[in-house]
C-alpha atoms as a PDB file:
ATOM      1  CA  MET A   1     -58.461 -16.621  33.697  1.00  0.00           C
ATOM      2  CA  PHE A   2     -54.881 -15.445  34.316  1.00  0.00           C
ATOM      3  CA  THR A   3     -54.305 -14.788  38.023  1.00  0.00           C
ATOM      4  CA  TRP A   4     -52.953 -11.289  37.382  1.00  0.00           C
ATOM      5  CA  LEU A   5     -55.992 -10.347  35.296  1.00  0.00           C
ATOM      6  CA  LYS A   6     -58.431 -11.753  37.851  1.00  0.00           C
ATOM      7  CA  ASN A   7     -56.754  -9.777  40.646  1.00  0.00           C
ATOM      8  CA  ARG A   8     -56.798  -6.626  38.534  1.00  0.00           C
ATOM      9  CA  LEU A   9     -60.511  -6.941  37.885  1.00  0.00           C
ATOM     10  CA  GLN A  10     -61.179  -7.515  41.583  1.00  0.00           C
ATOM     11  CA  ARG A  11     -59.101  -4.525  42.714  1.00  0.00           C
ATOM     12  CA  ASN A  12     -61.170  -1.646  44.021  1.00  0.00           C
ATOM     13  CA  GLY A  13     -60.642   1.688  45.692  1.00  0.00           C
ATOM     14  CA  LEU A  14     -58.470   4.630  44.759  1.00  0.00           C
ATOM     15  CA  THR A  15     -54.686   4.735  44.644  1.00  0.00           C
ATOM     16  CA  ALA A  16     -53.418   6.391  47.824  1.00  0.00           C
ATOM     17  CA  TYR A  17     -51.367   9.562  47.319  1.00  0.00           C
ATOM     18  CA  VAL A  18     -49.493   9.852  50.609  1.00  0.00           C
ATOM     19  CA  THR A  19     -47.808  13.169  51.321  1.00  0.00           C
ATOM     20  CA  HIS A  20     -47.548  16.004  53.834  1.00  0.00           C
ATOM     21  CA  ALA A  21     -47.070  19.753  53.656  1.00  0.00           C
ATOM     22  CA  GLU A  22     -44.080  19.508  56.014  1.00  0.00           C
ATOM     23  CA  CYS A  23     -42.159  17.766  53.220  1.00  0.00           C
ATOM     24  CA  LEU A  24     -42.013  21.214  51.603  1.00  0.00           C
ATOM     25  CA  GLN A  25     -40.226  22.717  54.614  1.00  0.00           C
ATOM     26  CA  HIS A  26     -36.918  20.908  54.026  1.00  0.00           C
ATOM     27  CA  ASN A  27     -34.679  23.304  52.101  1.00  0.00           C
ATOM     28  CA  MET A  28     -30.995  22.685  51.356  1.00  0.00           C
ATOM     29  CA  GLY A  29     -30.412  26.138  49.889  1.00  0.00           C
ATOM     30  CA  VAL A  30     -31.009  28.247  46.802  1.00  0.00           C
ATOM     31  CA  GLY A  31     -30.220  26.371  43.622  1.00  0.00           C
ATOM     32  CA  HIS A  32     -30.096  22.916  45.196  1.00  0.00           C
ATOM     33  CA  PRO A  33     -31.724  20.420  42.815  1.00  0.00           C
ATOM     34  CA  GLU A  34     -33.559  18.557  45.605  1.00  0.00           C
ATOM     35  CA  CYS A  35     -35.938  21.439  46.158  1.00  0.00           C
ATOM     36  CA  PRO A  36     -39.500  21.868  47.480  1.00  0.00           C
ATOM     37  CA  GLU A  37     -40.696  22.769  43.983  1.00  0.00           C
ATOM     38  CA  ARG A  38     -40.354  19.098  43.015  1.00  0.00           C
ATOM     39  CA  LEU A  39     -43.508  18.177  44.921  1.00  0.00           C
ATOM     40  CA  THR A  40     -45.347  21.215  43.561  1.00  0.00           C
ATOM     41  CA  ALA A  41     -44.432  20.244  39.998  1.00  0.00           C
ATOM     42  CA  ILE A  42     -45.790  16.740  40.550  1.00  0.00           C
ATOM     43  CA  ARG A  43     -49.077  17.941  42.001  1.00  0.00           C
ATOM     44  CA  ASP A  44     -49.513  20.553  39.257  1.00  0.00           C
ATOM     45  CA  GLN A  45     -48.965  17.956  36.518  1.00  0.00           C
ATOM     46  CA  LEU A  46     -51.329  15.465  38.145  1.00  0.00           C
ATOM     47  CA  MET A  47     -53.995  18.157  38.259  1.00  0.00           C
ATOM     48  CA  ALA A  48     -53.346  19.314  34.697  1.00  0.00           C
ATOM     49  CA  SER A  49     -53.536  15.696  33.523  1.00  0.00           C
ATOM     50  CA  GLN A  50     -56.824  15.183  35.419  1.00  0.00           C
ATOM     51  CA  ILE A  51     -55.286  12.325  37.404  1.00  0.00           C
ATOM     52  CA  PHE A  52     -55.335  13.900  40.845  1.00  0.00           C
ATOM     53  CA  ASP A  53     -59.116  13.581  41.264  1.00  0.00           C
ATOM     54  CA  SER A  54     -58.823   9.807  40.830  1.00  0.00           C
ATOM     55  CA  LEU A  55     -56.512   9.491  43.842  1.00  0.00           C
ATOM     56  CA  GLN A  56     -57.193   9.458  47.570  1.00  0.00           C
ATOM     57  CA  GLU A  57     -54.869  11.947  49.246  1.00  0.00           C
ATOM     58  CA  VAL A  58     -53.643  10.721  52.615  1.00  0.00           C
ATOM     59  CA  GLU A  59     -51.731  12.777  55.175  1.00  0.00           C
ATOM     60  CA  ALA A  60     -48.462  11.145  56.153  1.00  0.00           C
ATOM     61  CA  PRO A  61     -47.959  10.565  59.879  1.00  0.00           C
ATOM     62  CA  GLU A  62     -44.622  11.012  61.586  1.00  0.00           C
ATOM     63  CA  VAL A  63     -42.578   7.852  61.684  1.00  0.00           C
ATOM     64  CA  THR A  64     -42.107   6.440  65.182  1.00  0.00           C
ATOM     65  CA  TYR A  65     -38.735   5.787  66.760  1.00  0.00           C
ATOM     66  CA  GLU A  66     -39.610   2.102  66.938  1.00  0.00           C
ATOM     67  CA  GLN A  67     -40.234   2.028  63.183  1.00  0.00           C
ATOM     68  CA  LEU A  68     -36.962   3.858  62.488  1.00  0.00           C
ATOM     69  CA  ALA A  69     -35.027   1.571  64.824  1.00  0.00           C
ATOM     70  CA  ARG A  70     -35.705  -1.423  62.596  1.00  0.00           C
ATOM     71  CA  VAL A  71     -33.233   0.014  60.065  1.00  0.00           C
ATOM     72  CA  HIS A  72     -31.412   2.912  61.795  1.00  0.00           C
ATOM     73  CA  PRO A  73     -29.670   2.541  65.169  1.00  0.00           C
ATOM     74  CA  PRO A  74     -30.866   5.024  67.819  1.00  0.00           C
ATOM     75  CA  ARG A  75     -27.424   6.668  67.960  1.00  0.00           C
ATOM     76  CA  TYR A  76     -27.796   7.682  64.313  1.00  0.00           C
ATOM     77  CA  VAL A  77     -31.236   9.192  64.868  1.00  0.00           C
ATOM     78  CA  GLU A  78     -29.850  11.042  67.889  1.00  0.00           C
ATOM     79  CA  TYR A  79     -26.952  12.295  65.759  1.00  0.00           C
ATOM     80  CA  LEU A  80     -29.332  13.794  63.196  1.00  0.00           C
ATOM     81  CA  GLU A  81     -31.346  15.423  65.979  1.00  0.00           C
ATOM     82  CA  ALA A  82     -28.174  16.945  67.399  1.00  0.00           C
ATOM     83  CA  CYS A  83     -27.184  18.282  63.965  1.00  0.00           C
ATOM     84  CA  ALA A  84     -30.538  19.886  63.189  1.00  0.00           C
ATOM     85  CA  PRO A  85     -30.101  23.689  63.030  1.00  0.00           C
ATOM     86  CA  SER A  86     -32.575  26.208  64.394  1.00  0.00           C
ATOM     87  CA  VAL A  87     -31.565  28.669  61.660  1.00  0.00           C
ATOM     88  CA  GLY A  88     -29.638  28.385  58.423  1.00  0.00           C
ATOM     89  CA  THR A  89     -28.280  25.044  57.253  1.00  0.00           C
ATOM     90  CA  PHE A  90     -25.945  22.384  58.631  1.00  0.00           C
ATOM     91  CA  ARG A  91     -24.050  20.441  55.986  1.00  0.00           C
ATOM     92  CA  LEU A  92     -23.588  16.700  56.575  1.00  0.00           C
ATOM     93  CA  ASP A  93     -21.654  16.204  53.340  1.00  0.00           C
ATOM     94  CA  PRO A  94     -21.008  18.352  50.254  1.00  0.00           C
ATOM     95  CA  ASP A  95     -24.444  17.456  48.810  1.00  0.00           C
ATOM     96  CA  THR A  96     -26.605  16.945  51.879  1.00  0.00           C
ATOM     97  CA  ALA A  97     -27.647  19.671  54.300  1.00  0.00           C
ATOM     98  CA  MET A  98     -30.180  20.081  57.093  1.00  0.00           C
ATOM     99  CA  SER A  99     -32.417  23.109  57.525  1.00  0.00           C
ATOM    100  CA  PRO A 100     -34.802  23.862  60.413  1.00  0.00           C
ATOM    101  CA  GLY A 101     -37.552  21.948  58.610  1.00  0.00           C
ATOM    102  CA  THR A 102     -35.511  18.895  57.626  1.00  0.00           C
ATOM    103  CA  LEU A 103     -36.174  16.581  60.580  1.00  0.00           C
ATOM    104  CA  LYS A 104     -39.939  17.071  60.439  1.00  0.00           C
ATOM    105  CA  ALA A 105     -39.904  16.481  56.691  1.00  0.00           C
ATOM    106  CA  ALA A 106     -37.774  13.356  57.077  1.00  0.00           C
ATOM    107  CA  HIS A 107     -40.082  11.973  59.771  1.00  0.00           C
ATOM    108  CA  ARG A 108     -43.091  12.579  57.518  1.00  0.00           C
ATOM    109  CA  ALA A 109     -41.333  11.015  54.514  1.00  0.00           C
ATOM    110  CA  ALA A 110     -40.541   7.782  56.342  1.00  0.00           C
ATOM    111  CA  GLY A 111     -43.951   7.847  58.004  1.00  0.00           C
ATOM    112  CA  ALA A 112     -45.606   8.131  54.593  1.00  0.00           C
ATOM    113  CA  VAL A 113     -44.152   4.809  53.488  1.00  0.00           C
ATOM    114  CA  VAL A 114     -45.235   3.147  56.737  1.00  0.00           C
ATOM    115  CA  LYS A 115     -48.749   4.518  56.198  1.00  0.00           C
ATOM    116  CA  ALA A 116     -48.758   3.347  52.574  1.00  0.00           C
ATOM    117  CA  VAL A 117     -47.791  -0.168  53.669  1.00  0.00           C
ATOM    118  CA  GLU A 118     -50.643  -0.224  56.149  1.00  0.00           C
ATOM    119  CA  LEU A 119     -53.209   1.059  53.649  1.00  0.00           C
ATOM    120  CA  VAL A 120     -52.212  -1.502  51.035  1.00  0.00           C
ATOM    121  CA  ALA A 121     -51.697  -4.451  53.402  1.00  0.00           C
ATOM    122  CA  GLU A 122     -55.093  -3.844  55.022  1.00  0.00           C
ATOM    123  CA  ASP A 123     -56.878  -3.441  51.663  1.00  0.00           C
ATOM    124  CA  LYS A 124     -57.729   0.198  52.341  1.00  0.00           C
ATOM    125  CA  ALA A 125     -56.073   1.143  49.040  1.00  0.00           C
ATOM    126  CA  PRO A 126     -55.143  -1.033  46.072  1.00  0.00           C
ATOM    127  CA  ASN A 127     -51.701   0.589  45.840  1.00  0.00           C
ATOM    128  CA  ALA A 128     -49.980   3.777  46.910  1.00  0.00           C
ATOM    129  CA  PHE A 129     -47.597   6.498  45.748  1.00  0.00           C
ATOM    130  CA  CYS A 130     -45.628   8.430  48.363  1.00  0.00           C
ATOM    131  CA  ALA A 131     -45.010  12.003  47.183  1.00  0.00           C
ATOM    132  CA  ILE A 132     -42.324  12.815  49.698  1.00  0.00           C
ATOM    133  CA  ARG A 133     -39.005  14.466  50.286  1.00  0.00           C
ATOM    134  CA  PRO A 134     -36.293  14.180  51.340  1.00  0.00           C
ATOM    135  CA  PRO A 135     -35.679  11.004  49.334  1.00  0.00           C
ATOM    136  CA  GLY A 136     -34.173   7.983  51.032  1.00  0.00           C
ATOM    137  CA  HIS A 137     -32.456   5.290  49.002  1.00  0.00           C
ATOM    138  CA  HIS A 138     -28.900   6.577  49.561  1.00  0.00           C
ATOM    139  CA  ALA A 139     -29.276   6.735  53.361  1.00  0.00           C
ATOM    140  CA  GLU A 140     -27.382   3.877  54.972  1.00  0.00           C
ATOM    141  CA  SER A 141     -28.148   2.483  58.389  1.00  0.00           C
ATOM    142  CA  ASP A 142     -25.886   5.033  60.093  1.00  0.00           C
ATOM    143  CA  LYS A 143     -25.024   7.547  57.381  1.00  0.00           C
ATOM    144  CA  ALA A 144     -26.861  10.374  55.603  1.00  0.00           C
ATOM    145  CA  MET A 145     -25.725  11.005  52.029  1.00  0.00           C
ATOM    146  CA  GLY A 146     -26.930  11.832  48.542  1.00  0.00           C
ATOM    147  CA  PHE A 147     -29.753  14.150  49.724  1.00  0.00           C
ATOM    148  CA  CYS A 148     -31.085  11.345  51.997  1.00  0.00           C
ATOM    149  CA  PHE A 149     -31.445  11.101  55.796  1.00  0.00           C
ATOM    150  CA  PHE A 150     -33.725   8.145  56.576  1.00  0.00           C
ATOM    151  CA  ASN A 151     -34.061   5.246  54.160  1.00  0.00           C
ATOM    152  CA  ASN A 152     -37.787   5.618  53.603  1.00  0.00           C
ATOM    153  CA  ILE A 153     -38.311   2.493  51.539  1.00  0.00           C
ATOM    154  CA  ALA A 154     -36.260   0.305  53.883  1.00  0.00           C
ATOM    155  CA  VAL A 155     -38.356   1.586  56.798  1.00  0.00           C
ATOM    156  CA  GLY A 156     -41.466   0.548  54.852  1.00  0.00           C
ATOM    157  CA  VAL A 157     -40.055  -2.865  53.967  1.00  0.00           C
ATOM    158  CA  ALA A 158     -39.125  -3.516  57.588  1.00  0.00           C
ATOM    159  CA  HIS A 159     -42.639  -2.508  58.670  1.00  0.00           C
ATOM    160  CA  ALA A 160     -44.227  -4.871  56.145  1.00  0.00           C
ATOM    161  CA  LEU A 161     -42.060  -7.733  57.361  1.00  0.00           C
ATOM    162  CA  ALA A 162     -42.489  -7.031  61.079  1.00  0.00           C
ATOM    163  CA  LYS A 163     -46.182  -6.097  61.305  1.00  0.00           C
ATOM    164  CA  TYR A 164     -47.728  -8.117  58.484  1.00  0.00           C
ATOM    165  CA  LYS A 165     -45.331 -11.071  58.505  1.00  0.00           C
ATOM    166  CA  PHE A 166     -44.798 -11.118  54.751  1.00  0.00           C
ATOM    167  CA  GLU A 167     -42.340 -13.825  53.785  1.00  0.00           C
ATOM    168  CA  ARG A 168     -41.198 -12.260  50.508  1.00  0.00           C
ATOM    169  CA  VAL A 169     -41.070  -8.621  49.450  1.00  0.00           C
ATOM    170  CA  ALA A 170     -39.323  -7.122  46.434  1.00  0.00           C
ATOM    171  CA  VAL A 171     -37.754  -3.694  45.976  1.00  0.00           C
ATOM    172  CA  VAL A 172     -37.427  -2.352  42.426  1.00  0.00           C
ATOM    173  CA  ASP A 173     -35.275   0.758  41.964  1.00  0.00           C
ATOM    174  CA  PHE A 174     -35.102   2.606  38.619  1.00  0.00           C
ATOM    175  CA  ASP A 175     -33.387   5.771  39.842  1.00  0.00           C
ATOM    176  CA  VAL A 176     -30.343   6.825  37.802  1.00  0.00           C
ATOM    177  CA  HIS A 177     -28.231   6.479  40.965  1.00  0.00           C
ATOM    178  CA  HIS A 178     -27.706   3.160  42.713  1.00  0.00           C
ATOM    179  CA  GLY A 179     -29.712   2.733  45.928  1.00  0.00           C
ATOM    180  CA  ASN A 180     -26.656   1.972  48.024  1.00  0.00           C
ATOM    181  CA  GLY A 181     -28.437   2.565  51.319  1.00  0.00           C
ATOM    182  CA  THR A 182     -31.245   0.167  50.507  1.00  0.00           C
ATOM    183  CA  GLU A 183     -28.694  -2.472  49.550  1.00  0.00           C
ATOM    184  CA  GLU A 184     -26.599  -1.901  52.679  1.00  0.00           C
ATOM    185  CA  ILE A 185     -29.623  -2.265  54.946  1.00  0.00           C
ATOM    186  CA  LEU A 186     -31.379  -5.182  53.245  1.00  0.00           C
ATOM    187  CA  HIS A 187     -28.589  -7.247  51.682  1.00  0.00           C
ATOM    188  CA  ASP A 188     -28.554  -9.929  54.365  1.00  0.00           C
ATOM    189  CA  ASP A 189     -32.312 -10.538  54.532  1.00  0.00           C
ATOM    190  CA  PRO A 190     -33.423 -13.519  52.417  1.00  0.00           C
ATOM    191  CA  ARG A 191     -37.028 -12.310  52.638  1.00  0.00           C
ATOM    192  CA  VAL A 192     -36.115  -9.351  50.406  1.00  0.00           C
ATOM    193  CA  LEU A 193     -35.233  -9.264  46.717  1.00  0.00           C
ATOM    194  CA  MET A 194     -33.731  -6.030  45.373  1.00  0.00           C
ATOM    195  CA  ILE A 195     -33.448  -5.405  41.649  1.00  0.00           C
ATOM    196  CA  SER A 196     -32.384  -2.190  39.976  1.00  0.00           C
ATOM    197  CA  ILE A 197     -30.735  -0.362  37.151  1.00  0.00           C
ATOM    198  CA  PHE A 198     -28.360   2.550  37.591  1.00  0.00           C
ATOM    199  CA  GLN A 199     -25.847   4.535  35.594  1.00  0.00           C
ATOM    200  CA  HIS A 200     -22.296   3.289  36.146  1.00  0.00           C
ATOM    201  CA  PRO A 201     -19.703   4.507  36.812  1.00  0.00           C
ATOM    202  CA  PHE A 202     -21.583   7.248  38.604  1.00  0.00           C
ATOM    203  CA  TYR A 203     -22.480   8.417  42.108  1.00  0.00           C
ATOM    204  CA  PRO A 204     -22.406   6.700  44.601  1.00  0.00           C
ATOM    205  CA  TYR A 205     -19.883   4.512  42.741  1.00  0.00           C
ATOM    206  CA  ARG A 206     -21.281   1.268  44.122  1.00  0.00           C
ATOM    207  CA  GLY A 207     -23.697  -1.453  43.108  1.00  0.00           C
ATOM    208  CA  ASP A 208     -21.664  -3.255  40.482  1.00  0.00           C
ATOM    209  CA  GLN A 209     -20.469  -5.713  43.144  1.00  0.00           C
ATOM    210  CA  PRO A 210     -23.543  -7.088  44.970  1.00  0.00           C
ATOM    211  CA  MET A 211     -23.398  -7.200  48.754  1.00  0.00           C
ATOM    212  CA  GLY A 212     -25.583 -10.297  48.951  1.00  0.00           C
ATOM    213  CA  PRO A 213     -27.217 -13.031  46.869  1.00  0.00           C
ATOM    214  CA  ASN A 214     -30.582 -11.227  47.046  1.00  0.00           C
ATOM    215  CA  MET A 215     -29.161  -8.130  45.344  1.00  0.00           C
ATOM    216  CA  HIS A 216     -29.498  -7.965  41.535  1.00  0.00           C
ATOM    217  CA  ASN A 217     -28.436  -4.491  40.442  1.00  0.00           C
ATOM    218  CA  VAL A 218     -27.703  -3.967  36.750  1.00  0.00           C
ATOM    219  CA  PRO A 219     -25.340  -1.138  35.752  1.00  0.00           C
ATOM    220  CA  LEU A 220     -26.011   0.796  32.547  1.00  0.00           C
ATOM    221  CA  LYS A 221     -23.388   2.884  30.820  1.00  0.00           C
ATOM    222  CA  ALA A 222     -23.932   6.577  30.192  1.00  0.00           C
ATOM    223  CA  GLY A 223     -26.000   7.174  27.072  1.00  0.00           C
ATOM    224  CA  SER A 224     -28.136   4.061  27.489  1.00  0.00           C
ATOM    225  CA  SER A 225     -31.685   4.571  26.264  1.00  0.00           C
ATOM    226  CA  GLY A 226     -35.078   3.070  26.899  1.00  0.00           C
ATOM    227  CA  ARG A 227     -34.161   0.154  24.648  1.00  0.00           C
ATOM    228  CA  GLU A 228     -31.347  -1.004  26.942  1.00  0.00           C
ATOM    229  CA  PHE A 229     -33.523  -0.385  29.994  1.00  0.00           C
ATOM    230  CA  ARG A 230     -36.361  -2.498  28.610  1.00  0.00           C
ATOM    231  CA  GLU A 231     -33.948  -5.306  27.768  1.00  0.00           C
ATOM    232  CA  VAL A 232     -32.847  -5.424  31.418  1.00  0.00           C
ATOM    233  CA  VAL A 233     -36.446  -5.461  32.612  1.00  0.00           C
ATOM    234  CA  GLU A 234     -37.438  -8.270  30.256  1.00  0.00           C
ATOM    235  CA  ASN A 235     -34.301 -10.388  30.577  1.00  0.00           C
ATOM    236  CA  VAL A 236     -33.307  -9.842  34.217  1.00  0.00           C
ATOM    237  CA  TRP A 237     -35.983  -8.209  36.347  1.00  0.00           C
ATOM    238  CA  LEU A 238     -39.082 -10.094  35.268  1.00  0.00           C
ATOM    239  CA  PRO A 239     -37.555 -13.602  35.434  1.00  0.00           C
ATOM    240  CA  LEU A 240     -36.223 -12.848  38.930  1.00  0.00           C
ATOM    241  CA  LEU A 241     -39.586 -11.531  40.086  1.00  0.00           C
ATOM    242  CA  HIS A 242     -41.432 -14.547  38.685  1.00  0.00           C
ATOM    243  CA  GLU A 243     -38.994 -16.845  40.468  1.00  0.00           C
ATOM    244  CA  PHE A 244     -39.192 -14.968  43.768  1.00  0.00           C
ATOM    245  CA  GLN A 245     -43.002 -14.486  43.761  1.00  0.00           C
ATOM    246  CA  PRO A 246     -43.107 -11.474  46.111  1.00  0.00           C
ATOM    247  CA  GLN A 247     -46.102 -10.825  48.337  1.00  0.00           C
ATOM    248  CA  MET A 248     -45.606  -7.058  48.258  1.00  0.00           C
ATOM    249  CA  LEU A 249     -43.789  -4.919  45.712  1.00  0.00           C
ATOM    250  CA  PHE A 250     -41.959  -1.709  46.583  1.00  0.00           C
ATOM    251  CA  ILE A 251     -40.751   0.729  43.936  1.00  0.00           C
ATOM    252  CA  SER A 252     -37.945   3.209  44.556  1.00  0.00           C
ATOM    253  CA  ALA A 253     -39.323   5.554  41.935  1.00  0.00           C
ATOM    254  CA  GLY A 254     -36.551   7.886  40.881  1.00  0.00           C
ATOM    255  CA  PHE A 255     -37.152   9.730  37.610  1.00  0.00           C
ATOM    256  CA  ASP A 256     -33.695  11.226  37.077  1.00  0.00           C
ATOM    257  CA  ALA A 257     -32.874   8.654  34.383  1.00  0.00           C
ATOM    258  CA  HIS A 258     -35.094  10.783  32.116  1.00  0.00           C
ATOM    259  CA  ARG A 259     -33.258  12.119  29.077  1.00  0.00           C
ATOM    260  CA  GLU A 260     -34.120  15.722  30.048  1.00  0.00           C
ATOM    261  CA  ASP A 261     -32.675  15.383  33.562  1.00  0.00           C
ATOM    262  CA  ASP A 262     -29.099  16.638  33.706  1.00  0.00           C
ATOM    263  CA  MET A 263     -28.432  14.854  36.996  1.00  0.00           C
ATOM    264  CA  GLY A 264     -27.657  11.764  34.926  1.00  0.00           C
ATOM    265  CA  SER A 265     -26.843  10.634  31.414  1.00  0.00           C
ATOM    266  CA  LEU A 266     -29.459   7.978  30.647  1.00  0.00           C
ATOM    267  CA  GLY A 267     -32.183   8.399  28.064  1.00  0.00           C
ATOM    268  CA  LEU A 268     -35.490   7.235  29.499  1.00  0.00           C
ATOM    269  CA  THR A 269     -38.792   8.938  28.668  1.00  0.00           C
ATOM    270  CA  GLU A 270     -42.292   8.976  30.114  1.00  0.00           C
ATOM    271  CA  SER A 271     -43.231   6.035  27.883  1.00  0.00           C
ATOM    272  CA  ASP A 272     -40.497   3.933  29.500  1.00  0.00           C
ATOM    273  CA  TYR A 273     -41.801   4.709  32.991  1.00  0.00           C
ATOM    274  CA  GLU A 274     -45.342   3.870  31.887  1.00  0.00           C
ATOM    275  CA  TRP A 275     -44.152   0.631  30.274  1.00  0.00           C
ATOM    276  CA  VAL A 276     -42.163  -0.607  33.268  1.00  0.00           C
ATOM    277  CA  THR A 277     -44.982   0.295  35.649  1.00  0.00           C
ATOM    278  CA  ARG A 278     -47.407  -1.826  33.617  1.00  0.00           C
ATOM    279  CA  HIS A 279     -45.053  -4.791  33.780  1.00  0.00           C
ATOM    280  CA  LEU A 280     -44.564  -4.365  37.522  1.00  0.00           C
ATOM    281  CA  MET A 281     -48.314  -4.114  38.016  1.00  0.00           C
ATOM    282  CA  GLN A 282     -48.736  -7.427  36.234  1.00  0.00           C
ATOM    283  CA  ILE A 283     -46.228  -8.994  38.616  1.00  0.00           C
ATOM    284  CA  ALA A 284     -48.053  -7.463  41.566  1.00  0.00           C
ATOM    285  CA  ASP A 285     -51.405  -8.701  40.314  1.00  0.00           C
ATOM    286  CA  GLN A 286     -50.056 -12.197  39.776  1.00  0.00           C
ATOM    287  CA  TYR A 287     -48.244 -12.655  43.094  1.00  0.00           C
ATOM    288  CA  CYS A 288     -48.997  -9.739  45.459  1.00  0.00           C
ATOM    289  CA  ALA A 289     -52.776  -9.333  45.160  1.00  0.00           C
ATOM    290  CA  GLY A 290     -51.910  -5.990  43.551  1.00  0.00           C
ATOM    291  CA  ARG A 291     -50.003  -4.677  46.570  1.00  0.00           C
ATOM    292  CA  VAL A 292     -47.621  -1.958  45.328  1.00  0.00           C
ATOM    293  CA  VAL A 293     -46.029   0.839  47.346  1.00  0.00           C
ATOM    294  CA  SER A 294     -44.172   3.340  45.148  1.00  0.00           C
ATOM    295  CA  VAL A 295     -41.880   5.878  46.795  1.00  0.00           C
ATOM    296  CA  LEU A 296     -40.484   9.030  45.195  1.00  0.00           C
ATOM    297  CA  GLU A 297     -36.695   9.157  45.043  1.00  0.00           C
ATOM    298  CA  GLY A 298     -34.888  11.354  42.483  1.00  0.00           C
ATOM    299  CA  GLY A 299     -35.990  13.422  39.519  1.00  0.00           C
ATOM    300  CA  TYR A 300     -34.784  17.008  39.252  1.00  0.00           C
ATOM    301  CA  ASP A 301     -35.898  18.478  35.937  1.00  0.00           C
ATOM    302  CA  LEU A 302     -39.257  19.772  37.115  1.00  0.00           C
ATOM    303  CA  SER A 303     -41.113  19.378  33.819  1.00  0.00           C
ATOM    304  CA  ALA A 304     -39.776  15.876  33.136  1.00  0.00           C
ATOM    305  CA  LEU A 305     -40.415  14.884  36.750  1.00  0.00           C
ATOM    306  CA  GLY A 306     -44.040  15.983  36.666  1.00  0.00           C
ATOM    307  CA  ARG A 307     -44.735  14.247  33.366  1.00  0.00           C
ATOM    308  CA  SER A 308     -42.947  11.047  34.406  1.00  0.00           C
ATOM    309  CA  VAL A 309     -44.709  10.756  37.748  1.00  0.00           C
ATOM    310  CA  ALA A 310     -48.029  11.384  36.010  1.00  0.00           C
ATOM    311  CA  ALA A 311     -47.317   8.543  33.574  1.00  0.00           C
ATOM    312  CA  HIS A 312     -46.361   6.266  36.482  1.00  0.00           C
ATOM    313  CA  ILE A 313     -49.384   7.113  38.629  1.00  0.00           C
ATOM    314  CA  ARG A 314     -51.763   6.882  35.671  1.00  0.00           C
ATOM    315  CA  VAL A 315     -50.879   3.191  35.419  1.00  0.00           C
ATOM    316  CA  LEU A 316     -51.146   2.655  39.194  1.00  0.00           C
ATOM    317  CA  SER A 317     -54.555   4.269  39.298  1.00  0.00           C
ATOM    318  CA  ASP A 318     -55.919   2.742  36.095  1.00  0.00           C
ATOM    319  CA  GLY A 319     -54.845  -0.803  36.900  1.00  0.00           C
END
């Protein structure tokens, strides 16, 4: 029997849905696309699609300073604490602002990925989806940008490497924007493979020149559709993943490459997210004993976001 199929049949338990109500308290202002309603739209669609009852909801803990320090120097964490307003908002850049609830939300978001790693690594859940905000993949080791404060997925990767001594982990990023922070933090670690697609040229105007030999980020021009995306997955991503044979698979799950999302100009649909998730699950079943931690990044059209996340989680939970 194929290894991936055997592992799939042996997988048990419910997909962990890791989140926290404090993630709703981060608010960058009226009309900002990275809004609390994103998480509400996801939950509503999961319930309407009758998927939510097949998940185990897990409350995200706060990330510890030790866990943050693996990827963010203490001076940066202290800087964010000093910037946190008691009322109103404090703008770190033209797109990224802190409100009174931001720090708590950011600590829960990073803590959710740590918790997901622990659940999956200790076989308490077959895989996990972190329904969190603020997102993280733009946050560099010492810089907040692009709606991001802590690099949630990098915190999770570092935890998997430090606590569980994995020798190989892979990060897959299908957000419309390049995960520059994830690359900046992880580019010099041979234990990590990062693969992605992103619209280019486009914010953050990086990624086309890899920072390290473990970075394989494929730019797509504006107007690219699911056909071009699937070609990259089949011809670049999957061969690299088979060669690397990761022991845990992380997904930076941004859904703003959807054709209805005006934050980008790519043309993916729910069927593309379902398709790529199935292929990634096969990789995980073959090499990772099914261990997948998926982390919400972008996705700003509320209807498209809800439908896309539902398609993604349906595959995670169905196996």
